[in-house]
Amino acid sequence: MKDYQKRFLKLALDSGAFKVGEFTLKSGRRSPYFFNASALLEYGSLSDLADILVSKIEDSNLQFDMIFGPAYKGIFLGSILATKMSETMKVPVCFNRKEVKD
């Protein structure tokens, strides 16, 4: 397991984002585990999560044109990820709206 994968697993467990038990998903399916990404934001670990994602992106040699942060919670992650990546490269960021702009 790579270092960033270990860091992500620790972060997911420490924040309570990853839970093991019996869960009924929105689809109605039952699952022995549940991942709540919102818990990562509430835990105050956005910067740590962005560092982990930067490591993953660099490790995978992923090619992309821009970082997209879907409304609402993804906007924060997309913004900080682009900020972290801007230390070594120029990375534009964009996001969408759920509501129609007046």
N, C-alpha and C. Protein backbone atom coordinates (compact mmCIF):
# COMPACT_ATOMS: atom_id res chain seq x y z
N MET A 1 0.85 -1.17 0.00
CA MET A 1 0.00 0.00 0.00
C MET A 1 0.91 1.24 0.00
N LYS A 2 0.57 2.18 -0.84
CA LYS A 2 1.37 3.41 -0.96
C LYS A 2 1.08 4.34 0.22
N ASP A 3 2.04 5.23 0.49
CA ASP A 3 1.93 6.13 1.63
C ASP A 3 0.64 6.95 1.60
N TYR A 4 0.28 7.52 0.44
CA TYR A 4 -0.93 8.35 0.38
C TYR A 4 -2.18 7.51 0.61
N GLN A 5 -2.14 6.23 0.25
CA GLN A 5 -3.28 5.35 0.50
C GLN A 5 -3.43 5.08 2.00
N LYS A 6 -2.30 4.88 2.67
CA LYS A 6 -2.32 4.69 4.13
C LYS A 6 -2.83 5.95 4.83
N ARG A 7 -2.38 7.11 4.36
CA ARG A 7 -2.82 8.38 4.95
C ARG A 7 -4.32 8.57 4.75
N PHE A 8 -4.83 8.20 3.55
CA PHE A 8 -6.27 8.34 3.29
C PHE A 8 -7.08 7.41 4.20
N LEU A 9 -6.63 6.18 4.32
CA LEU A 9 -7.34 5.22 5.17
C LEU A 9 -7.37 5.71 6.62
N LYS A 10 -6.24 6.19 7.12
CA LYS A 10 -6.19 6.72 8.49
C LYS A 10 -7.13 7.91 8.64
N LEU A 11 -7.11 8.81 7.67
CA LEU A 11 -7.98 9.99 7.71
C LEU A 11 -9.45 9.58 7.69
N ALA A 12 -9.80 8.62 6.84
CA ALA A 12 -11.19 8.15 6.74
C ALA A 12 -11.65 7.52 8.05
N LEU A 13 -10.78 6.77 8.69
CA LEU A 13 -11.14 6.13 9.96
C LEU A 13 -11.18 7.15 11.10
N ASP A 14 -10.17 8.01 11.18
CA ASP A 14 -10.11 9.00 12.27
C ASP A 14 -11.28 9.98 12.22
N SER A 15 -11.70 10.34 11.02
CA SER A 15 -12.78 11.33 10.86
C SER A 15 -14.17 10.71 11.00
N GLY A 16 -14.23 9.38 10.97
CA GLY A 16 -15.53 8.71 11.01
C GLY A 16 -16.19 8.64 9.65
N ALA A 17 -15.45 8.97 8.60
CA ALA A 17 -16.01 8.92 7.25
C ALA A 17 -16.29 7.49 6.80
N PHE A 18 -15.43 6.56 7.20
CA PHE A 18 -15.60 5.16 6.83
C PHE A 18 -16.12 4.41 8.04
N LYS A 19 -17.28 3.76 7.85
CA LYS A 19 -17.90 3.02 8.94
C LYS A 19 -18.21 1.60 8.49
N VAL A 20 -18.05 0.68 9.42
CA VAL A 20 -18.37 -0.72 9.19
C VAL A 20 -19.56 -1.07 10.07
N GLY A 21 -20.51 -1.79 9.50
CA GLY A 21 -21.71 -2.17 10.24
C GLY A 21 -22.77 -2.64 9.26
N GLU A 22 -24.03 -2.38 9.58
CA GLU A 22 -25.13 -2.71 8.67
C GLU A 22 -25.82 -1.42 8.29
N PHE A 23 -25.84 -1.13 6.99
CA PHE A 23 -26.39 0.12 6.50
C PHE A 23 -27.35 -0.14 5.36
N THR A 24 -28.40 0.67 5.28
CA THR A 24 -29.30 0.65 4.14
C THR A 24 -29.00 1.91 3.34
N LEU A 25 -28.56 1.73 2.10
CA LEU A 25 -28.19 2.85 1.24
C LEU A 25 -29.43 3.51 0.67
N LYS A 26 -29.27 4.69 0.08
CA LYS A 26 -30.40 5.40 -0.53
C LYS A 26 -31.09 4.55 -1.58
N SER A 27 -30.33 3.69 -2.23
CA SER A 27 -30.88 2.81 -3.26
C SER A 27 -31.74 1.70 -2.67
N GLY A 28 -31.67 1.55 -1.35
CA GLY A 28 -32.40 0.47 -0.69
C GLY A 28 -31.54 -0.77 -0.47
N ARG A 29 -30.38 -0.81 -1.12
CA ARG A 29 -29.47 -1.94 -0.95
C ARG A 29 -28.86 -1.91 0.45
N ARG A 30 -28.57 -3.09 0.96
CA ARG A 30 -27.90 -3.20 2.26
C ARG A 30 -26.40 -3.30 2.01
N SER A 31 -25.63 -2.73 2.92
CA SER A 31 -24.18 -2.72 2.77
C SER A 31 -23.51 -2.93 4.12
N PRO A 32 -22.38 -3.65 4.14
CA PRO A 32 -21.65 -3.84 5.39
C PRO A 32 -20.74 -2.66 5.74
N TYR A 33 -20.69 -1.67 4.88
CA TYR A 33 -19.88 -0.49 5.15
C TYR A 33 -20.53 0.74 4.53
N PHE A 34 -20.10 1.91 5.00
CA PHE A 34 -20.64 3.17 4.50
C PHE A 34 -19.52 4.20 4.51
N PHE A 35 -19.44 5.00 3.45
CA PHE A 35 -18.45 6.08 3.37
C PHE A 35 -19.19 7.40 3.27
N ASN A 36 -18.97 8.27 4.26
CA ASN A 36 -19.59 9.59 4.30
C ASN A 36 -18.51 10.64 4.07
N ALA A 37 -18.35 11.09 2.83
CA ALA A 37 -17.30 12.05 2.49
C ALA A 37 -17.48 13.37 3.24
N SER A 38 -18.70 13.71 3.60
CA SER A 38 -18.95 14.95 4.35
C SER A 38 -18.19 14.96 5.67
N ALA A 39 -18.01 13.80 6.26
CA ALA A 39 -17.29 13.72 7.54
C ALA A 39 -15.86 14.21 7.40
N LEU A 40 -15.26 14.05 6.23
CA LEU A 40 -13.90 14.54 6.01
C LEU A 40 -13.86 16.06 6.09
N LEU A 41 -14.89 16.71 5.56
CA LEU A 41 -14.95 18.17 5.60
C LEU A 41 -15.22 18.65 7.02
N GLU A 42 -16.11 17.97 7.71
CA GLU A 42 -16.48 18.37 9.07
C GLU A 42 -15.35 18.12 10.06
N TYR A 43 -14.47 17.21 9.74
CA TYR A 43 -13.35 16.84 10.62
C TYR A 43 -12.25 17.90 10.58
N GLY A 44 -12.32 18.82 9.64
CA GLY A 44 -11.30 19.85 9.52
C GLY A 44 -10.06 19.35 8.82
N SER A 45 -10.24 18.41 7.92
CA SER A 45 -9.10 17.76 7.28
C SER A 45 -9.02 18.04 5.79
N LEU A 46 -9.62 19.12 5.35
CA LEU A 46 -9.66 19.43 3.93
C LEU A 46 -8.26 19.57 3.34
N SER A 47 -7.36 20.22 4.05
CA SER A 47 -5.99 20.39 3.57
C SER A 47 -5.28 19.04 3.47
N ASP A 48 -5.47 18.18 4.48
CA ASP A 48 -4.86 16.85 4.45
C ASP A 48 -5.40 16.03 3.29
N LEU A 49 -6.71 16.10 3.07
CA LEU A 49 -7.32 15.37 1.97
C LEU A 49 -6.78 15.86 0.63
N ALA A 50 -6.63 17.17 0.49
CA ALA A 50 -6.08 17.72 -0.76
C ALA A 50 -4.65 17.24 -0.97
N ASP A 51 -3.83 17.19 0.08
CA ASP A 51 -2.46 16.68 -0.04
C ASP A 51 -2.46 15.24 -0.53
N ILE A 52 -3.36 14.43 0.01
CA ILE A 52 -3.46 13.03 -0.39
C ILE A 52 -3.86 12.93 -1.86
N LEU A 53 -4.84 13.73 -2.27
CA LEU A 53 -5.29 13.69 -3.67
C LEU A 53 -4.21 14.17 -4.63
N VAL A 54 -3.44 15.18 -4.23
CA VAL A 54 -2.33 15.64 -5.07
C VAL A 54 -1.33 14.49 -5.25
N SER A 55 -1.02 13.77 -4.19
CA SER A 55 -0.10 12.63 -4.27
C SER A 55 -0.64 11.57 -5.22
N LYS A 56 -1.93 11.28 -5.14
CA LYS A 56 -2.56 10.29 -6.02
C LYS A 56 -2.51 10.73 -7.47
N ILE A 57 -2.83 11.99 -7.72
CA ILE A 57 -2.82 12.51 -9.09
C ILE A 57 -1.41 12.46 -9.67
N GLU A 58 -0.43 12.88 -8.88
CA GLU A 58 0.96 12.84 -9.35
C GLU A 58 1.42 11.41 -9.60
N ASP A 59 1.03 10.49 -8.74
CA ASP A 59 1.42 9.09 -8.87
C ASP A 59 0.80 8.44 -10.11
N SER A 60 -0.39 8.85 -10.47
CA SER A 60 -1.11 8.21 -11.58
C SER A 60 -0.80 8.85 -12.94
N ASN A 61 -0.06 9.96 -12.94
CA ASN A 61 0.22 10.69 -14.19
C ASN A 61 -1.06 11.05 -14.93
N LEU A 62 -2.10 11.34 -14.19
CA LEU A 62 -3.40 11.70 -14.75
C LEU A 62 -3.30 13.00 -15.54
N GLN A 63 -3.83 13.01 -16.74
CA GLN A 63 -3.85 14.20 -17.58
C GLN A 63 -5.23 14.85 -17.47
N PHE A 64 -5.26 16.15 -17.24
CA PHE A 64 -6.54 16.85 -17.10
C PHE A 64 -6.36 18.31 -17.47
N ASP A 65 -7.48 18.98 -17.74
CA ASP A 65 -7.46 20.39 -18.13
C ASP A 65 -7.84 21.31 -16.98
N MET A 66 -8.62 20.80 -16.04
CA MET A 66 -9.10 21.65 -14.97
C MET A 66 -9.64 20.79 -13.84
N ILE A 67 -9.73 21.40 -12.66
CA ILE A 67 -10.33 20.74 -11.49
C ILE A 67 -11.78 21.22 -11.40
N PHE A 68 -12.71 20.27 -11.26
CA PHE A 68 -14.13 20.61 -11.14
C PHE A 68 -14.60 20.24 -9.74
N GLY A 69 -15.21 21.21 -9.06
CA GLY A 69 -15.78 20.98 -7.74
C GLY A 69 -17.29 21.09 -7.80
N PRO A 70 -18.00 19.96 -7.81
CA PRO A 70 -19.46 20.01 -7.91
C PRO A 70 -20.10 20.63 -6.66
N ALA A 71 -21.16 21.41 -6.88
CA ALA A 71 -21.87 22.04 -5.77
C ALA A 71 -22.45 20.94 -4.87
N TYR A 72 -22.45 21.14 -3.63
CA TYR A 72 -21.90 22.24 -2.87
C TYR A 72 -20.57 21.88 -2.24
N LYS A 73 -20.50 20.73 -1.64
CA LYS A 73 -19.30 20.36 -0.87
C LYS A 73 -18.06 20.19 -1.74
N GLY A 74 -18.23 19.87 -2.99
CA GLY A 74 -17.08 19.70 -3.88
C GLY A 74 -16.39 21.00 -4.23
N ILE A 75 -17.08 22.12 -4.05
CA ILE A 75 -16.49 23.43 -4.35
C ILE A 75 -15.28 23.67 -3.46
N PHE A 76 -15.41 23.38 -2.18
CA PHE A 76 -14.30 23.56 -1.24
C PHE A 76 -13.12 22.68 -1.61
N LEU A 77 -13.41 21.41 -1.88
CA LEU A 77 -12.34 20.47 -2.20
C LEU A 77 -11.66 20.83 -3.52
N GLY A 78 -12.44 21.17 -4.54
CA GLY A 78 -11.86 21.57 -5.82
C GLY A 78 -10.98 22.79 -5.69
N SER A 79 -11.42 23.75 -4.89
CA SER A 79 -10.65 24.99 -4.70
C SER A 79 -9.33 24.74 -3.99
N ILE A 80 -9.37 23.98 -2.90
CA ILE A 80 -8.12 23.76 -2.17
C ILE A 80 -7.20 22.82 -2.94
N LEU A 81 -7.77 21.88 -3.68
CA LEU A 81 -6.94 20.99 -4.51
C LEU A 81 -6.21 21.79 -5.58
N ALA A 82 -6.92 22.68 -6.24
CA ALA A 82 -6.28 23.53 -7.26
C ALA A 82 -5.22 24.42 -6.63
N THR A 83 -5.49 24.93 -5.43
CA THR A 83 -4.52 25.77 -4.73
C THR A 83 -3.25 24.98 -4.42
N LYS A 84 -3.42 23.77 -3.89
CA LYS A 84 -2.26 22.93 -3.57
C LYS A 84 -1.47 22.59 -4.83
N MET A 85 -2.17 22.27 -5.90
CA MET A 85 -1.50 21.89 -7.14
C MET A 85 -0.81 23.08 -7.80
N SER A 86 -1.29 24.28 -7.51
CA SER A 86 -0.70 25.47 -8.14
C SER A 86 0.72 25.74 -7.65
N GLU A 87 1.15 25.03 -6.62
CA GLU A 87 2.53 25.17 -6.15
C GLU A 87 3.51 24.64 -7.19
N THR A 88 3.05 23.70 -8.03
CA THR A 88 3.95 23.12 -9.04
C THR A 88 3.44 23.28 -10.47
N MET A 89 2.18 23.64 -10.65
CA MET A 89 1.63 23.80 -11.99
C MET A 89 0.41 24.72 -11.96
N LYS A 90 0.06 25.26 -13.11
CA LYS A 90 -1.11 26.13 -13.21
C LYS A 90 -2.34 25.25 -13.41
N VAL A 91 -3.28 25.35 -12.49
CA VAL A 91 -4.47 24.50 -12.53
C VAL A 91 -5.72 25.35 -12.38
N PRO A 92 -6.52 25.49 -13.45
CA PRO A 92 -7.79 26.21 -13.31
C PRO A 92 -8.81 25.37 -12.54
N VAL A 93 -9.75 26.05 -11.91
CA VAL A 93 -10.79 25.37 -11.16
C VAL A 93 -12.14 25.95 -11.56
N CYS A 94 -13.17 25.12 -11.59
CA CYS A 94 -14.52 25.59 -11.88
C CYS A 94 -15.51 24.82 -11.01
N PHE A 95 -16.73 25.32 -10.94
CA PHE A 95 -17.78 24.65 -10.18
C PHE A 95 -19.11 24.97 -10.82
N ASN A 96 -20.12 24.20 -10.44
CA ASN A 96 -21.46 24.42 -10.98
C ASN A 96 -22.37 25.00 -9.90
N ARG A 97 -23.56 25.38 -10.32
CA ARG A 97 -24.60 25.85 -9.40
C ARG A 97 -25.74 24.85 -9.43
N LYS A 98 -26.39 24.69 -8.31
CA LYS A 98 -27.60 23.87 -8.30
C LYS A 98 -28.81 24.70 -8.66
N GLU A 99 -28.75 26.00 -8.33
CA GLU A 99 -29.87 26.89 -8.61
C GLU A 99 -29.59 27.70 -9.87
N VAL A 100 -30.65 28.12 -10.52
CA VAL A 100 -30.52 28.99 -11.69
C VAL A 100 -30.17 30.39 -11.20
N LYS A 101 -29.19 31.00 -11.85
CA LYS A 101 -28.78 32.35 -11.48
C LYS A 101 -29.80 33.35 -12.00
N ASP A 102 -30.20 34.30 -11.15
CA ASP A 102 -31.15 35.34 -11.57
C ASP A 102 -30.45 36.38 -12.41
